[in-house]
Amino acid sequence: MDINHNLITSQGPGTALEFAVEIIIALCGKEKAWEVAEPMVTNPTLHYHKMGKYDA
């Protein structure tokens, strides 16, 4: 993810889940993002609970 000047961008369809999680982090914080991502079937090597440059 590239997060600059209140603009969140992604690299394409292959990063859709990471993009969605970053949007949730930006709007609602890491705790809510983890709550949403935890029950989803995701790539286990993508540590969603460690994502985001925003602190909740």
N, C-alpha and C. Protein backbone atom coordinates (compact mmCIF):
# COMPACT_ATOMS: atom_id res chain seq x y z
N MET A 1 0.83 -1.17 0.00
CA MET A 1 0.00 0.00 0.00
C MET A 1 0.88 1.25 0.00
N ASP A 2 0.42 2.23 -0.70
CA ASP A 2 1.04 3.55 -0.65
C ASP A 2 0.02 4.50 -0.04
N ILE A 3 0.36 5.06 1.08
CA ILE A 3 -0.55 5.98 1.76
C ILE A 3 0.14 7.34 1.83
N ASN A 4 -0.35 8.28 1.05
CA ASN A 4 0.23 9.61 1.03
C ASN A 4 -0.86 10.65 0.85
N HIS A 5 -0.76 11.73 1.58
CA HIS A 5 -1.65 12.88 1.41
C HIS A 5 -3.13 12.48 1.36
N ASN A 6 -3.56 11.66 2.31
CA ASN A 6 -4.94 11.20 2.39
C ASN A 6 -5.40 10.45 1.15
N LEU A 7 -4.50 9.81 0.46
CA LEU A 7 -4.80 9.01 -0.71
C LEU A 7 -4.28 7.60 -0.48
N ILE A 8 -5.17 6.63 -0.57
CA ILE A 8 -4.78 5.23 -0.39
C ILE A 8 -4.88 4.57 -1.76
N THR A 9 -3.78 4.02 -2.24
CA THR A 9 -3.78 3.36 -3.54
C THR A 9 -3.31 1.92 -3.38
N SER A 10 -3.57 1.13 -4.39
CA SER A 10 -3.18 -0.27 -4.38
C SER A 10 -2.54 -0.62 -5.71
N GLN A 11 -2.06 -1.84 -5.82
CA GLN A 11 -1.34 -2.26 -7.01
C GLN A 11 -2.23 -2.96 -8.03
N GLY A 12 -3.43 -3.34 -7.70
CA GLY A 12 -4.32 -4.01 -8.64
C GLY A 12 -5.20 -5.03 -7.95
N PRO A 13 -5.90 -5.85 -8.73
CA PRO A 13 -6.86 -6.80 -8.17
C PRO A 13 -6.26 -7.81 -7.19
N GLY A 14 -5.00 -8.13 -7.36
CA GLY A 14 -4.35 -9.11 -6.49
C GLY A 14 -4.16 -8.63 -5.07
N THR A 15 -4.32 -7.35 -4.83
CA THR A 15 -4.14 -6.79 -3.48
C THR A 15 -5.44 -6.24 -2.93
N ALA A 16 -6.58 -6.72 -3.44
CA ALA A 16 -7.89 -6.20 -3.03
C ALA A 16 -8.15 -6.36 -1.53
N LEU A 17 -7.81 -7.52 -0.96
CA LEU A 17 -8.06 -7.71 0.48
C LEU A 17 -7.20 -6.78 1.33
N GLU A 18 -5.93 -6.66 0.97
CA GLU A 18 -5.05 -5.76 1.71
C GLU A 18 -5.54 -4.32 1.60
N PHE A 19 -6.00 -3.94 0.41
CA PHE A 19 -6.53 -2.61 0.17
C PHE A 19 -7.75 -2.36 1.06
N ALA A 20 -8.66 -3.32 1.10
CA ALA A 20 -9.85 -3.18 1.93
C ALA A 20 -9.49 -3.03 3.41
N VAL A 21 -8.54 -3.83 3.86
CA VAL A 21 -8.13 -3.75 5.26
C VAL A 21 -7.50 -2.39 5.56
N GLU A 22 -6.70 -1.87 4.65
CA GLU A 22 -6.09 -0.55 4.85
C GLU A 22 -7.15 0.54 4.92
N ILE A 23 -8.20 0.42 4.13
CA ILE A 23 -9.29 1.41 4.19
C ILE A 23 -9.98 1.34 5.55
N ILE A 24 -10.23 0.14 6.04
CA ILE A 24 -10.85 -0.01 7.36
C ILE A 24 -9.95 0.56 8.44
N ILE A 25 -8.65 0.30 8.35
CA ILE A 25 -7.70 0.85 9.32
C ILE A 25 -7.75 2.38 9.30
N ALA A 26 -7.76 2.95 8.11
CA ALA A 26 -7.77 4.41 7.98
C ALA A 26 -9.04 5.02 8.56
N LEU A 27 -10.18 4.35 8.37
CA LEU A 27 -11.46 4.91 8.80
C LEU A 27 -11.85 4.53 10.23
N CYS A 28 -11.50 3.30 10.65
CA CYS A 28 -12.02 2.79 11.92
C CYS A 28 -10.97 2.29 12.89
N GLY A 29 -9.72 2.16 12.45
CA GLY A 29 -8.65 1.69 13.33
C GLY A 29 -8.33 0.23 13.15
N LYS A 30 -7.18 -0.15 13.70
CA LYS A 30 -6.67 -1.52 13.55
C LYS A 30 -7.57 -2.56 14.23
N GLU A 31 -8.15 -2.20 15.36
CA GLU A 31 -8.98 -3.17 16.08
C GLU A 31 -10.18 -3.59 15.22
N LYS A 32 -10.85 -2.65 14.60
CA LYS A 32 -12.00 -2.96 13.74
C LYS A 32 -11.55 -3.74 12.50
N ALA A 33 -10.40 -3.37 11.93
CA ALA A 33 -9.89 -4.08 10.75
C ALA A 33 -9.62 -5.54 11.09
N TRP A 34 -9.04 -5.78 12.25
CA TRP A 34 -8.77 -7.17 12.66
C TRP A 34 -10.09 -7.91 12.89
N GLU A 35 -11.08 -7.25 13.46
CA GLU A 35 -12.39 -7.86 13.69
C GLU A 35 -13.02 -8.29 12.36
N VAL A 36 -12.85 -7.48 11.33
CA VAL A 36 -13.39 -7.80 10.01
C VAL A 36 -12.56 -8.88 9.32
N ALA A 37 -11.24 -8.78 9.38
CA ALA A 37 -10.37 -9.69 8.64
C ALA A 37 -10.25 -11.08 9.28
N GLU A 38 -10.37 -11.16 10.59
CA GLU A 38 -10.14 -12.43 11.28
C GLU A 38 -11.02 -13.58 10.77
N PRO A 39 -12.33 -13.41 10.59
CA PRO A 39 -13.14 -14.55 10.14
C PRO A 39 -13.06 -14.83 8.63
N MET A 40 -12.37 -13.97 7.89
CA MET A 40 -12.28 -14.15 6.44
C MET A 40 -11.24 -15.21 6.08
N VAL A 41 -11.43 -15.83 4.94
CA VAL A 41 -10.44 -16.77 4.43
C VAL A 41 -9.38 -15.92 3.72
N THR A 42 -8.23 -15.78 4.37
CA THR A 42 -7.17 -14.92 3.85
C THR A 42 -5.86 -15.69 3.79
N ASN A 43 -4.90 -15.11 3.14
CA ASN A 43 -3.56 -15.68 3.06
C ASN A 43 -2.93 -15.58 4.45
N PRO A 44 -2.57 -16.70 5.08
CA PRO A 44 -2.04 -16.65 6.44
C PRO A 44 -0.69 -15.93 6.57
N THR A 45 0.02 -15.76 5.46
CA THR A 45 1.30 -15.06 5.54
C THR A 45 1.13 -13.54 5.50
N LEU A 46 -0.07 -13.08 5.25
CA LEU A 46 -0.35 -11.65 5.30
C LEU A 46 -0.85 -11.32 6.70
N HIS A 47 -0.05 -10.73 7.49
CA HIS A 47 -0.34 -10.48 8.90
C HIS A 47 -1.24 -9.26 9.03
N TYR A 48 -2.54 -9.48 8.83
CA TYR A 48 -3.50 -8.37 8.84
C TYR A 48 -3.50 -7.60 10.15
N HIS A 49 -3.25 -8.28 11.25
CA HIS A 49 -3.25 -7.60 12.54
C HIS A 49 -2.04 -6.66 12.70
N LYS A 50 -1.06 -6.74 11.81
CA LYS A 50 0.11 -5.87 11.87
C LYS A 50 0.09 -4.81 10.78
N MET A 51 -0.95 -4.78 9.95
CA MET A 51 -1.01 -3.85 8.83
C MET A 51 -1.36 -2.45 9.29
N GLY A 52 -1.12 -1.49 8.45
CA GLY A 52 -1.59 -0.14 8.65
C GLY A 52 -0.59 0.78 9.29
N LYS A 53 -0.61 2.00 8.84
CA LYS A 53 0.26 3.03 9.42
C LYS A 53 -0.51 3.89 10.41
N TYR A 54 -1.80 3.58 10.58
CA TYR A 54 -2.63 4.36 11.48
C TYR A 54 -2.73 3.63 12.81
N ASP A 55 -2.71 4.34 13.88
CA ASP A 55 -2.89 3.75 15.21
C ASP A 55 -4.30 3.98 15.67
N ALA A 56 -4.91 2.94 16.20
CA ALA A 56 -6.30 3.04 16.68
C ALA A 56 -6.35 3.81 17.97
